[in-house]
Amino acid sequence: MEMLKEGKVTLCAMVDADPRVCLLEKMPLGLITGIGRAMRRKRTSSLDILSSKRAPRTYYKGKNCKPTGFHTRKGGYVVVPEKLPNYVVPDLTDFKLKPYVSQCPTEVKTTEASELAK
């Protein structure tokens, strides 16, 4: 086996050997494991990575909703009115709803809309 040095890379020149094998022998271990990690398939969504079954006992994932209060020392729950969701809904009295809403509505002027509502 002859050792040839070309620049900073050391190559093995053997008659029957593959030169890539000798390059892997000369690489540091951290570089080889880094290449192996890059080749592994990773999950694309971060929500599926950790579940309550694979986490510590104290882990609680929740359902992506905000808390509406806090727990007391004796096990109770106090609801804070400022944390409750406030929905602003328009007055829908005397409003006729239709079963289908078109995805591409036509242009209607306000005067025509008020005449159609009567």
PDB file of N, CA and C in Angstrom:
ATOM      1  N   MET A   1       0.848  -1.180   0.000  1.00  0.00           N
ATOM      2  CA  MET A   1       0.000   0.000   0.000  1.00  0.00           C
ATOM      3  C   MET A   1       0.888   1.236   0.000  1.00  0.00           C
ATOM      4  N   GLU A   2       0.648   2.111  -0.936  1.00  0.00           N
ATOM      5  CA  GLU A   2       1.406   3.359  -1.010  1.00  0.00           C
ATOM      6  C   GLU A   2       0.528   4.501  -0.525  1.00  0.00           C
ATOM      7  N   MET A   3       1.126   5.447   0.133  1.00  0.00           N
ATOM      8  CA  MET A   3       0.400   6.635   0.574  1.00  0.00           C
ATOM      9  C   MET A   3       0.807   7.803  -0.301  1.00  0.00           C
ATOM     10  N   LEU A   4      -0.138   8.436  -0.916  1.00  0.00           N
ATOM     11  CA  LEU A   4       0.118   9.607  -1.744  1.00  0.00           C
ATOM     12  C   LEU A   4      -0.525  10.809  -1.086  1.00  0.00           C
ATOM     13  N   LYS A   5       0.172  11.913  -1.039  1.00  0.00           N
ATOM     14  CA  LYS A   5      -0.388  13.133  -0.467  1.00  0.00           C
ATOM     15  C   LYS A   5      -0.604  14.135  -1.586  1.00  0.00           C
ATOM     16  N   GLU A   6      -1.847  14.522  -1.747  1.00  0.00           N
ATOM     17  CA  GLU A   6      -2.185  15.557  -2.721  1.00  0.00           C
ATOM     18  C   GLU A   6      -2.907  16.656  -1.958  1.00  0.00           C
ATOM     19  N   GLY A   7      -2.274  17.759  -1.745  1.00  0.00           N
ATOM     20  CA  GLY A   7      -2.869  18.852  -0.977  1.00  0.00           C
ATOM     21  C   GLY A   7      -3.019  18.444   0.470  1.00  0.00           C
ATOM     22  N   LYS A   8      -4.254  18.557   1.011  1.00  0.00           N
ATOM     23  CA  LYS A   8      -4.522  18.199   2.397  1.00  0.00           C
ATOM     24  C   LYS A   8      -5.190  16.834   2.521  1.00  0.00           C
ATOM     25  N   VAL A   9      -5.543  16.212   1.383  1.00  0.00           N
ATOM     26  CA  VAL A   9      -6.242  14.934   1.412  1.00  0.00           C
ATOM     27  C   VAL A   9      -5.242  13.817   1.213  1.00  0.00           C
ATOM     28  N   THR A  10      -5.275  12.809   2.067  1.00  0.00           N
ATOM     29  CA  THR A  10      -4.400  11.651   1.941  1.00  0.00           C
ATOM     30  C   THR A  10      -5.160  10.544   1.226  1.00  0.00           C
ATOM     31  N   LEU A  11      -4.599  10.041   0.145  1.00  0.00           N
ATOM     32  CA  LEU A  11      -5.243   8.992  -0.635  1.00  0.00           C
ATOM     33  C   LEU A  11      -4.468   7.696  -0.494  1.00  0.00           C
ATOM     34  N   CYS A  12      -5.155   6.588  -0.538  1.00  0.00           N
ATOM     35  CA  CYS A  12      -4.514   5.273  -0.525  1.00  0.00           C
ATOM     36  C   CYS A  12      -4.489   4.760  -1.956  1.00  0.00           C
ATOM     37  N   ALA A  13      -3.337   4.417  -2.415  1.00  0.00           N
ATOM     38  CA  ALA A  13      -3.220   3.887  -3.780  1.00  0.00           C
ATOM     39  C   ALA A  13      -2.939   2.407  -3.686  1.00  0.00           C
ATOM     40  N   MET A  14      -3.978   1.613  -3.803  1.00  0.00           N
ATOM     41  CA  MET A  14      -3.831   0.162  -3.794  1.00  0.00           C
ATOM     42  C   MET A  14      -4.327  -0.356  -5.136  1.00  0.00           C
ATOM     43  N   VAL A  15      -3.874  -1.471  -5.483  1.00  0.00           N
ATOM     44  CA  VAL A  15      -4.225  -2.020  -6.793  1.00  0.00           C
ATOM     45  C   VAL A  15      -5.692  -2.422  -6.835  1.00  0.00           C
ATOM     46  N   ASP A  16      -6.168  -3.175  -5.851  1.00  0.00           N
ATOM     47  CA  ASP A  16      -7.529  -3.695  -5.880  1.00  0.00           C
ATOM     48  C   ASP A  16      -8.478  -2.950  -4.937  1.00  0.00           C
ATOM     49  N   ALA A  17      -8.046  -1.934  -4.233  1.00  0.00           N
ATOM     50  CA  ALA A  17      -8.879  -1.279  -3.223  1.00  0.00           C
ATOM     51  C   ALA A  17      -9.598  -0.068  -3.806  1.00  0.00           C
ATOM     52  N   ASP A  18     -10.722   0.234  -3.214  1.00  0.00           N
ATOM     53  CA  ASP A  18     -11.497   1.412  -3.597  1.00  0.00           C
ATOM     54  C   ASP A  18     -10.929   2.606  -2.846  1.00  0.00           C
ATOM     55  N   PRO A  19     -10.610   3.717  -3.513  1.00  0.00           N
ATOM     56  CA  PRO A  19     -10.025   4.863  -2.796  1.00  0.00           C
ATOM     57  C   PRO A  19     -10.977   5.503  -1.802  1.00  0.00           C
ATOM     58  N   ARG A  20     -12.310   5.337  -1.984  1.00  0.00           N
ATOM     59  CA  ARG A  20     -13.257   5.928  -1.033  1.00  0.00           C
ATOM     60  C   ARG A  20     -13.153   5.274   0.333  1.00  0.00           C
ATOM     61  N   VAL A  21     -12.804   3.986   0.370  1.00  0.00           N
ATOM     62  CA  VAL A  21     -12.664   3.280   1.643  1.00  0.00           C
ATOM     63  C   VAL A  21     -11.520   3.871   2.441  1.00  0.00           C
ATOM     64  N   CYS A  22     -10.410   4.168   1.779  1.00  0.00           N
ATOM     65  CA  CYS A  22      -9.272   4.759   2.480  1.00  0.00           C
ATOM     66  C   CYS A  22      -9.595   6.169   2.958  1.00  0.00           C
ATOM     67  N   LEU A  23     -10.388   6.922   2.200  1.00  0.00           N
ATOM     68  CA  LEU A  23     -10.770   8.260   2.648  1.00  0.00           C
ATOM     69  C   LEU A  23     -11.603   8.186   3.916  1.00  0.00           C
ATOM     70  N   LEU A  24     -12.506   7.194   4.002  1.00  0.00           N
ATOM     71  CA  LEU A  24     -13.315   7.054   5.207  1.00  0.00           C
ATOM     72  C   LEU A  24     -12.472   6.661   6.405  1.00  0.00           C
ATOM     73  N   GLU A  25     -11.395   5.900   6.178  1.00  0.00           N
ATOM     74  CA  GLU A  25     -10.524   5.526   7.288  1.00  0.00           C
ATOM     75  C   GLU A  25      -9.783   6.729   7.839  1.00  0.00           C
ATOM     76  N   LYS A  26      -9.488   7.709   7.008  1.00  0.00           N
ATOM     77  CA  LYS A  26      -8.731   8.877   7.442  1.00  0.00           C
ATOM     78  C   LYS A  26      -9.612  10.001   7.985  1.00  0.00           C
ATOM     79  N   MET A  27     -10.951   9.925   7.783  1.00  0.00           N
ATOM     80  CA  MET A  27     -11.843  10.983   8.261  1.00  0.00           C
ATOM     81  C   MET A  27     -11.991  10.902   9.770  1.00  0.00           C
ATOM     82  N   PRO A  28     -12.145  12.040  10.427  1.00  0.00           N
ATOM     83  CA  PRO A  28     -12.422  12.001  11.865  1.00  0.00           C
ATOM     84  C   PRO A  28     -13.813  11.428  12.125  1.00  0.00           C
ATOM     85  N   LEU A  29     -13.988  10.859  13.305  1.00  0.00           N
ATOM     86  CA  LEU A  29     -15.234  10.175  13.634  1.00  0.00           C
ATOM     87  C   LEU A  29     -16.425  11.133  13.643  1.00  0.00           C
ATOM     88  N   GLY A  30     -16.234  12.365  14.096  1.00  0.00           N
ATOM     89  CA  GLY A  30     -17.332  13.326  14.146  1.00  0.00           C
ATOM     90  C   GLY A  30     -17.877  13.663  12.773  1.00  0.00           C
ATOM     91  N   LEU A  31     -17.010  13.706  11.788  1.00  0.00           N
ATOM     92  CA  LEU A  31     -17.442  14.012  10.428  1.00  0.00           C
ATOM     93  C   LEU A  31     -18.255  12.862   9.845  1.00  0.00           C
ATOM     94  N   ILE A  32     -17.847  11.640  10.143  1.00  0.00           N
ATOM     95  CA  ILE A  32     -18.574  10.471   9.639  1.00  0.00           C
ATOM     96  C   ILE A  32     -19.959  10.394  10.267  1.00  0.00           C
ATOM     97  N   THR A  33     -20.059  10.610  11.566  1.00  0.00           N
ATOM     98  CA  THR A  33     -21.374  10.563  12.213  1.00  0.00           C
ATOM     99  C   THR A  33     -22.244  11.720  11.759  1.00  0.00           C
ATOM    100  N   GLY A  34     -21.648  12.869  11.469  1.00  0.00           N
ATOM    101  CA  GLY A  34     -22.421  14.003  10.962  1.00  0.00           C
ATOM    102  C   GLY A  34     -23.025  13.716   9.604  1.00  0.00           C
ATOM    103  N   ILE A  35     -22.272  13.044   8.754  1.00  0.00           N
ATOM    104  CA  ILE A  35     -22.798  12.666   7.443  1.00  0.00           C
ATOM    105  C   ILE A  35     -23.919  11.650   7.602  1.00  0.00           C
ATOM    106  N   GLY A  36     -23.759  10.728   8.542  1.00  0.00           N
ATOM    107  CA  GLY A  36     -24.807   9.736   8.795  1.00  0.00           C
ATOM    108  C   GLY A  36     -26.080  10.368   9.317  1.00  0.00           C
ATOM    109  N   ARG A  37     -25.953  11.368  10.178  1.00  0.00           N
ATOM    110  CA  ARG A  37     -27.133  12.065  10.689  1.00  0.00           C
ATOM    111  C   ARG A  37     -27.849  12.822   9.586  1.00  0.00           C
ATOM    112  N   ALA A  38     -27.090  13.406   8.680  1.00  0.00           N
ATOM    113  CA  ALA A  38     -27.700  14.154   7.582  1.00  0.00           C
ATOM    114  C   ALA A  38     -28.449  13.236   6.633  1.00  0.00           C
ATOM    115  N   MET A  39     -28.002  12.008   6.516  1.00  0.00           N
ATOM    116  CA  MET A  39     -28.653  11.068   5.610  1.00  0.00           C
ATOM    117  C   MET A  39     -29.954  10.518   6.193  1.00  0.00           C
ATOM    118  N   ARG A  40     -30.083  10.542   7.526  1.00  0.00           N
ATOM    119  CA  ARG A  40     -31.294  10.038   8.149  1.00  0.00           C
ATOM    120  C   ARG A  40     -32.476  10.932   7.828  1.00  0.00           C
ATOM    121  N   ARG A  41     -33.644  10.348   7.748  1.00  0.00           N
ATOM    122  CA  ARG A  41     -34.845  11.118   7.443  1.00  0.00           C
ATOM    123  C   ARG A  41     -35.389  11.732   8.728  1.00  0.00           C
ATOM    124  N   LYS A  42     -35.671  13.019   8.683  1.00  0.00           N
ATOM    125  CA  LYS A  42     -36.189  13.708   9.859  1.00  0.00           C
ATOM    126  C   LYS A  42     -37.662  14.029   9.656  1.00  0.00           C
ATOM    127  N   ARG A  43     -38.380  14.198  10.738  1.00  0.00           N
ATOM    128  CA  ARG A  43     -39.790  14.548  10.658  1.00  0.00           C
ATOM    129  C   ARG A  43     -39.934  16.003  10.249  1.00  0.00           C
ATOM    130  N   THR A  44     -40.961  16.275   9.463  1.00  0.00           N
ATOM    131  CA  THR A  44     -41.147  17.633   8.972  1.00  0.00           C
ATOM    132  C   THR A  44     -41.971  18.480   9.928  1.00  0.00           C
ATOM    133  N   SER A  45     -42.901  17.877  10.638  1.00  0.00           N
ATOM    134  CA  SER A  45     -43.717  18.674  11.540  1.00  0.00           C
ATOM    135  C   SER A  45     -43.210  18.518  12.962  1.00  0.00           C
ATOM    136  N   SER A  46     -43.115  19.617  13.659  1.00  0.00           N
ATOM    137  CA  SER A  46     -42.596  19.578  15.023  1.00  0.00           C
ATOM    138  C   SER A  46     -43.665  19.167  16.024  1.00  0.00           C
ATOM    139  N   LEU A  47     -44.942  19.128  15.615  1.00  0.00           N
ATOM    140  CA  LEU A  47     -45.996  18.762  16.553  1.00  0.00           C
ATOM    141  C   LEU A  47     -45.982  17.271  16.875  1.00  0.00           C
ATOM    142  N   ASP A  48     -45.538  16.438  15.943  1.00  0.00           N
ATOM    143  CA  ASP A  48     -45.562  15.002  16.155  1.00  0.00           C
ATOM    144  C   ASP A  48     -44.316  14.474  16.849  1.00  0.00           C
ATOM    145  N   ILE A  49     -43.312  15.302  17.055  1.00  0.00           N
ATOM    146  CA  ILE A  49     -42.051  14.818  17.588  1.00  0.00           C
ATOM    147  C   ILE A  49     -42.205  14.348  19.036  1.00  0.00           C
ATOM    148  N   LEU A  50     -42.882  15.108  19.868  1.00  0.00           N
ATOM    149  CA  LEU A  50     -42.990  14.768  21.280  1.00  0.00           C
ATOM    150  C   LEU A  50     -44.454  14.576  21.648  1.00  0.00           C
ATOM    151  N   SER A  51     -44.777  13.420  22.151  1.00  0.00           N
ATOM    152  CA  SER A  51     -46.129  13.162  22.627  1.00  0.00           C
ATOM    153  C   SER A  51     -46.065  12.882  24.123  1.00  0.00           C
ATOM    154  N   SER A  52     -47.221  12.827  24.755  1.00  0.00           N
ATOM    155  CA  SER A  52     -47.239  12.593  26.195  1.00  0.00           C
ATOM    156  C   SER A  52     -46.809  11.169  26.541  1.00  0.00           C
ATOM    157  N   LYS A  53     -46.849  10.255  25.574  1.00  0.00           N
ATOM    158  CA  LYS A  53     -46.408   8.886  25.849  1.00  0.00           C
ATOM    159  C   LYS A  53     -44.894   8.760  25.799  1.00  0.00           C
ATOM    160  N   ARG A  54     -44.220   9.622  25.055  1.00  0.00           N
ATOM    161  CA  ARG A  54     -42.769   9.535  24.910  1.00  0.00           C
ATOM    162  C   ARG A  54     -42.033  10.573  25.757  1.00  0.00           C
ATOM    163  N   ALA A  55     -42.745  11.326  26.533  1.00  0.00           N
ATOM    164  CA  ALA A  55     -42.149  12.406  27.313  1.00  0.00           C
ATOM    165  C   ALA A  55     -42.108  12.020  28.794  1.00  0.00           C
ATOM    166  N   PRO A  56     -41.505  12.859  29.640  1.00  0.00           N
ATOM    167  CA  PRO A  56     -41.516  12.592  31.080  1.00  0.00           C
ATOM    168  C   PRO A  56     -42.932  12.595  31.653  1.00  0.00           C
ATOM    169  N   ARG A  57     -43.065  12.092  32.874  1.00  0.00           N
ATOM    170  CA  ARG A  57     -44.393  11.981  33.489  1.00  0.00           C
ATOM    171  C   ARG A  57     -45.067  13.329  33.687  1.00  0.00           C
ATOM    172  N   THR A  58     -44.297  14.390  33.877  1.00  0.00           N
ATOM    173  CA  THR A  58     -44.883  15.698  34.155  1.00  0.00           C
ATOM    174  C   THR A  58     -45.249  16.466  32.893  1.00  0.00           C
ATOM    175  N   TYR A  59     -44.989  15.907  31.721  1.00  0.00           N
ATOM    176  CA  TYR A  59     -45.240  16.625  30.470  1.00  0.00           C
ATOM    177  C   TYR A  59     -46.711  16.542  30.091  1.00  0.00           C
ATOM    178  N   TYR A  60     -47.308  17.682  29.746  1.00  0.00           N
ATOM    179  CA  TYR A  60     -48.689  17.749  29.272  1.00  0.00           C
ATOM    180  C   TYR A  60     -48.706  18.612  28.029  1.00  0.00           C
ATOM    181  N   LYS A  61     -49.035  18.019  26.912  1.00  0.00           N
ATOM    182  CA  LYS A  61     -48.957  18.726  25.640  1.00  0.00           C
ATOM    183  C   LYS A  61     -50.083  19.735  25.480  1.00  0.00           C
ATOM    184  N   GLY A  62     -51.281  19.390  25.877  1.00  0.00           N
ATOM    185  CA  GLY A  62     -52.395  20.313  25.742  1.00  0.00           C
ATOM    186  C   GLY A  62     -53.010  20.253  24.357  1.00  0.00           C
ATOM    187  N   LYS A  63     -53.944  21.141  24.110  1.00  0.00           N
ATOM    188  CA  LYS A  63     -54.683  21.156  22.848  1.00  0.00           C
ATOM    189  C   LYS A  63     -54.575  22.501  22.135  1.00  0.00           C
ATOM    190  N   ASN A  64     -53.510  23.235  22.362  1.00  0.00           N
ATOM    191  CA  ASN A  64     -53.272  24.527  21.710  1.00  0.00           C
ATOM    192  C   ASN A  64     -54.359  25.555  22.010  1.00  0.00           C
ATOM    193  N   CYS A  65     -54.895  25.543  23.212  1.00  0.00           N
ATOM    194  CA  CYS A  65     -55.852  26.577  23.590  1.00  0.00           C
ATOM    195  C   CYS A  65     -55.296  27.310  24.810  1.00  0.00           C
ATOM    196  N   LYS A  66     -55.673  28.553  24.939  1.00  0.00           N
ATOM    197  CA  LYS A  66     -55.158  29.375  26.032  1.00  0.00           C
ATOM    198  C   LYS A  66     -55.929  29.086  27.314  1.00  0.00           C
ATOM    199  N   PRO A  67     -55.264  29.138  28.453  1.00  0.00           N
ATOM    200  CA  PRO A  67     -55.975  28.903  29.709  1.00  0.00           C
ATOM    201  C   PRO A  67     -56.894  30.075  30.036  1.00  0.00           C
ATOM    202  N   THR A  68     -58.054  29.774  30.625  1.00  0.00           N
ATOM    203  CA  THR A  68     -59.016  30.823  30.973  1.00  0.00           C
ATOM    204  C   THR A  68     -58.956  31.185  32.444  1.00  0.00           C
ATOM    205  N   GLY A  69     -58.027  30.633  33.181  1.00  0.00           N
ATOM    206  CA  GLY A  69     -57.917  30.936  34.596  1.00  0.00           C
ATOM    207  C   GLY A  69     -56.673  30.308  35.181  1.00  0.00           C
ATOM    208  N   PHE A  70     -56.748  29.959  36.492  1.00  0.00           N
ATOM    209  CA  PHE A  70     -55.590  29.364  37.149  1.00  0.00           C
ATOM    210  C   PHE A  70     -56.065  28.389  38.221  1.00  0.00           C
ATOM    211  N   HIS A  71     -55.190  27.478  38.605  1.00  0.00           N
ATOM    212  CA  HIS A  71     -55.489  26.489  39.637  1.00  0.00           C
ATOM    213  C   HIS A  71     -55.137  27.063  41.006  1.00  0.00           C
ATOM    214  N   THR A  72     -55.969  26.754  41.999  1.00  0.00           N
ATOM    215  CA  THR A  72     -55.701  27.194  43.365  1.00  0.00           C
ATOM    216  C   THR A  72     -54.873  26.138  44.085  1.00  0.00           C
ATOM    217  N   ARG A  73     -54.433  26.462  45.284  1.00  0.00           N
ATOM    218  CA  ARG A  73     -53.611  25.528  46.061  1.00  0.00           C
ATOM    219  C   ARG A  73     -54.397  24.301  46.505  1.00  0.00           C
ATOM    220  N   LYS A  74     -55.704  24.453  46.666  1.00  0.00           N
ATOM    221  CA  LYS A  74     -56.525  23.352  47.168  1.00  0.00           C
ATOM    222  C   LYS A  74     -57.184  22.554  46.048  1.00  0.00           C
ATOM    223  N   GLY A  75     -56.749  22.745  44.824  1.00  0.00           N
ATOM    224  CA  GLY A  75     -57.263  21.939  43.719  1.00  0.00           C
ATOM    225  C   GLY A  75     -58.417  22.554  42.960  1.00  0.00           C
ATOM    226  N   GLY A  76     -58.803  23.756  43.308  1.00  0.00           N
ATOM    227  CA  GLY A  76     -59.890  24.415  42.582  1.00  0.00           C
ATOM    228  C   GLY A  76     -59.388  25.121  41.330  1.00  0.00           C
ATOM    229  N   TYR A  77     -60.304  25.726  40.614  1.00  0.00           N
ATOM    230  CA  TYR A  77     -59.958  26.456  39.400  1.00  0.00           C
ATOM    231  C   TYR A  77     -60.722  27.763  39.395  1.00  0.00           C
ATOM    232  N   VAL A  78     -60.014  28.869  39.225  1.00  0.00           N
ATOM    233  CA  VAL A  78     -60.624  30.195  39.212  1.00  0.00           C
ATOM    234  C   VAL A  78     -60.607  30.706  37.779  1.00  0.00           C
ATOM    235  N   VAL A  79     -61.788  31.035  37.255  1.00  0.00           N
ATOM    236  CA  VAL A  79     -61.901  31.567  35.898  1.00  0.00           C
ATOM    237  C   VAL A  79     -61.730  33.076  35.958  1.00  0.00           C
ATOM    238  N   VAL A  80     -60.809  33.599  35.171  1.00  0.00           N
ATOM    239  CA  VAL A  80     -60.554  35.034  35.095  1.00  0.00           C
ATOM    240  C   VAL A  80     -61.346  35.583  33.906  1.00  0.00           C
ATOM    241  N   PRO A  81     -62.274  36.537  34.132  1.00  0.00           N
ATOM    242  CA  PRO A  81     -63.111  37.036  33.026  1.00  0.00           C
ATOM    243  C   PRO A  81     -62.307  37.705  31.908  1.00  0.00           C
ATOM    244  N   GLU A  82     -61.161  38.289  32.239  1.00  0.00           N
ATOM    245  CA  GLU A  82     -60.356  38.939  31.207  1.00  0.00           C
ATOM    246  C   GLU A  82     -59.748  37.927  30.237  1.00  0.00           C
ATOM    247  N   LYS A  83     -59.599  36.673  30.696  1.00  0.00           N
ATOM    248  CA  LYS A  83     -58.999  35.652  29.841  1.00  0.00           C
ATOM    249  C   LYS A  83     -60.024  34.906  28.993  1.00  0.00           C
ATOM    250  N   LEU A  84     -61.305  35.120  29.230  1.00  0.00           N
ATOM    251  CA  LEU A  84     -62.336  34.463  28.436  1.00  0.00           C
ATOM    252  C   LEU A  84     -62.393  35.083  27.044  1.00  0.00           C
ATOM    253  N   PRO A  85     -62.647  34.293  26.010  1.00  0.00           N
ATOM    254  CA  PRO A  85     -62.742  34.865  24.664  1.00  0.00           C
ATOM    255  C   PRO A  85     -63.976  35.740  24.525  1.00  0.00           C
ATOM    256  N   ASN A  86     -63.820  36.864  23.847  1.00  0.00           N
ATOM    257  CA  ASN A  86     -64.907  37.814  23.642  1.00  0.00           C
ATOM    258  C   ASN A  86     -65.239  37.825  22.154  1.00  0.00           C
ATOM    259  N   TYR A  87     -66.392  37.263  21.797  1.00  0.00           N
ATOM    260  CA  TYR A  87     -66.796  37.203  20.399  1.00  0.00           C
ATOM    261  C   TYR A  87     -67.721  38.375  20.086  1.00  0.00           C
ATOM    262  N   VAL A  88     -67.382  39.151  19.073  1.00  0.00           N
ATOM    263  CA  VAL A  88     -68.213  40.263  18.631  1.00  0.00           C
ATOM    264  C   VAL A  88     -69.012  39.771  17.428  1.00  0.00           C
ATOM    265  N   VAL A  89     -70.320  39.605  17.624  1.00  0.00           N
ATOM    266  CA  VAL A  89     -71.194  39.073  16.580  1.00  0.00           C
ATOM    267  C   VAL A  89     -72.191  40.154  16.189  1.00  0.00           C
ATOM    268  N   PRO A  90     -72.395  40.394  14.894  1.00  0.00           N
ATOM    269  CA  PRO A  90     -73.379  41.409  14.493  1.00  0.00           C
ATOM    270  C   PRO A  90     -74.803  40.929  14.775  1.00  0.00           C
ATOM    271  N   ASP A  91     -75.729  41.871  14.828  1.00  0.00           N
ATOM    272  CA  ASP A  91     -77.128  41.560  15.080  1.00  0.00           C
ATOM    273  C   ASP A  91     -77.720  40.891  13.838  1.00  0.00           C
ATOM    274  N   LEU A  92     -78.219  39.683  13.981  1.00  0.00           N
ATOM    275  CA  LEU A  92     -78.730  38.925  12.843  1.00  0.00           C
ATOM    276  C   LEU A  92     -80.246  38.771  12.865  1.00  0.00           C
ATOM    277  N   THR A  93     -80.955  39.653  13.583  1.00  0.00           N
ATOM    278  CA  THR A  93     -82.415  39.590  13.572  1.00  0.00           C
ATOM    279  C   THR A  93     -82.921  40.061  12.215  1.00  0.00           C
ATOM    280  N   ASP A  94     -83.958  39.418  11.728  1.00  0.00           N
ATOM    281  CA  ASP A  94     -84.560  39.698  10.411  1.00  0.00           C
ATOM    282  C   ASP A  94     -83.540  39.565   9.286  1.00  0.00           C
ATOM    283  N   PHE A  95     -82.653  38.621   9.412  1.00  0.00           N
ATOM    284  CA  PHE A  95     -81.642  38.385   8.377  1.00  0.00           C
ATOM    285  C   PHE A  95     -81.885  36.996   7.798  1.00  0.00           C
ATOM    286  N   LYS A  96     -82.114  36.936   6.489  1.00  0.00           N
ATOM    287  CA  LYS A  96     -82.419  35.669   5.841  1.00  0.00           C
ATOM    288  C   LYS A  96     -81.125  35.017   5.368  1.00  0.00           C
ATOM    289  N   LEU A  97     -80.824  33.888   5.947  1.00  0.00           N
ATOM    290  CA  LEU A  97     -79.636  33.149   5.545  1.00  0.00           C
ATOM    291  C   LEU A  97     -79.980  32.210   4.401  1.00  0.00           C
ATOM    292  N   LYS A  98     -79.045  32.043   3.497  1.00  0.00           N
ATOM    293  CA  LYS A  98     -79.234  31.136   2.373  1.00  0.00           C
ATOM    294  C   LYS A  98     -78.334  29.917   2.583  1.00  0.00           C
ATOM    295  N   PRO A  99     -78.716  28.764   2.032  1.00  0.00           N
ATOM    296  CA  PRO A  99     -77.944  27.553   2.304  1.00  0.00           C
ATOM    297  C   PRO A  99     -76.603  27.485   1.595  1.00  0.00           C
ATOM    298  N   TYR A 100     -76.384  28.299   0.582  1.00  0.00           N
ATOM    299  CA  TYR A 100     -75.147  28.201  -0.194  1.00  0.00           C
ATOM    300  C   TYR A 100     -74.565  29.584  -0.406  1.00  0.00           C
ATOM    301  N   VAL A 101     -73.272  29.695  -0.230  1.00  0.00           N
ATOM    302  CA  VAL A 101     -72.564  30.945  -0.500  1.00  0.00           C
ATOM    303  C   VAL A 101     -71.591  30.664  -1.629  1.00  0.00           C
ATOM    304  N   SER A 102     -71.671  31.441  -2.683  1.00  0.00           N
ATOM    305  CA  SER A 102     -70.823  31.233  -3.845  1.00  0.00           C
ATOM    306  C   SER A 102     -69.393  31.650  -3.540  1.00  0.00           C
ATOM    307  N   GLN A 103     -68.440  30.925  -4.127  1.00  0.00           N
ATOM    308  CA  GLN A 103     -67.037  31.281  -3.938  1.00  0.00           C
ATOM    309  C   GLN A 103     -66.636  32.462  -4.806  1.00  0.00           C
ATOM    310  N   CYS A 104     -67.368  32.715  -5.872  1.00  0.00           N
ATOM    311  CA  CYS A 104     -67.074  33.864  -6.736  1.00  0.00           C
ATOM    312  C   CYS A 104     -68.344  34.712  -6.857  1.00  0.00           C
ATOM    313  N   PRO A 105     -68.612  35.563  -5.881  1.00  0.00           N
ATOM    314  CA  PRO A 105     -69.845  36.355  -5.909  1.00  0.00           C
ATOM    315  C   PRO A 105     -69.769  37.454  -6.966  1.00  0.00           C
ATOM    316  N   THR A 106     -70.925  37.904  -7.394  1.00  0.00           N
ATOM    317  CA  THR A 106     -70.991  38.996  -8.361  1.00  0.00           C
ATOM    318  C   THR A 106     -70.999  40.324  -7.619  1.00  0.00           C
ATOM    319  N   GLU A 107     -70.582  41.363  -8.319  1.00  0.00           N
ATOM    320  CA  GLU A 107     -70.560  42.704  -7.727  1.00  0.00           C
ATOM    321  C   GLU A 107     -71.995  43.206  -7.570  1.00  0.00           C
ATOM    322  N   VAL A 108     -72.366  43.634  -6.371  1.00  0.00           N
ATOM    323  CA  VAL A 108     -73.699  44.150  -6.092  1.00  0.00           C
ATOM    324  C   VAL A 108     -73.540  45.493  -5.415  1.00  0.00           C
ATOM    325  N   LYS A 109     -74.258  46.500  -5.906  1.00  0.00           N
ATOM    326  CA  LYS A 109     -74.209  47.823  -5.278  1.00  0.00           C
ATOM    327  C   LYS A 109     -75.052  47.799  -4.014  1.00  0.00           C
ATOM    328  N   THR A 110     -74.800  48.751  -3.120  1.00  0.00           N
ATOM    329  CA  THR A 110     -75.522  48.777  -1.847  1.00  0.00           C
ATOM    330  C   THR A 110     -76.995  49.088  -2.050  1.00  0.00           C
ATOM    331  N   THR A 111     -77.346  49.879  -3.060  1.00  0.00           N
ATOM    332  CA  THR A 111     -78.763  50.180  -3.281  1.00  0.00           C
ATOM    333  C   THR A 111     -79.501  48.933  -3.756  1.00  0.00           C
ATOM    334  N   GLU A 112     -78.869  48.123  -4.606  1.00  0.00           N
ATOM    335  CA  GLU A 112     -79.496  46.886  -5.066  1.00  0.00           C
ATOM    336  C   GLU A 112     -79.619  45.885  -3.920  1.00  0.00           C
ATOM    337  N   ALA A 113     -78.648  45.845  -3.063  1.00  0.00           N
ATOM    338  CA  ALA A 113     -78.682  44.909  -1.944  1.00  0.00           C
ATOM    339  C   ALA A 113     -79.797  45.267  -0.976  1.00  0.00           C
ATOM    340  N   SER A 114     -80.025  46.559  -0.758  1.00  0.00           N
ATOM    341  CA  SER A 114     -81.093  46.958   0.157  1.00  0.00           C
ATOM    342  C   SER A 114     -82.462  46.680  -0.453  1.00  0.00           C
ATOM    343  N   GLU A 115     -82.588  46.786  -1.788  1.00  0.00           N
ATOM    344  CA  GLU A 115     -83.858  46.468  -2.444  1.00  0.00           C
ATOM    345  C   GLU A 115     -84.129  44.966  -2.405  1.00  0.00           C
ATOM    346  N   LEU A 116     -83.092  44.158  -2.542  1.00  0.00           N
ATOM    347  CA  LEU A 116     -83.264  42.710  -2.500  1.00  0.00           C
ATOM    348  C   LEU A 116     -83.637  42.231  -1.104  1.00  0.00           C
ATOM    349  N   ALA A 117     -83.192  42.920  -0.096  1.00  0.00           N
ATOM    350  CA  ALA A 117     -83.484  42.519   1.279  1.00  0.00           C
ATOM    351  C   ALA A 117     -84.935  42.784   1.641  1.00  0.00           C
ATOM    352  N   LYS A 118     -85.591  43.753   0.942  1.00  0.00           N
ATOM    353  CA  LYS A 118     -86.992  44.083   1.257  1.00  0.00           C
ATOM    354  C   LYS A 118     -87.889  43.106   0.664  1.00  0.00           C
TER     355      LYS A 118
END
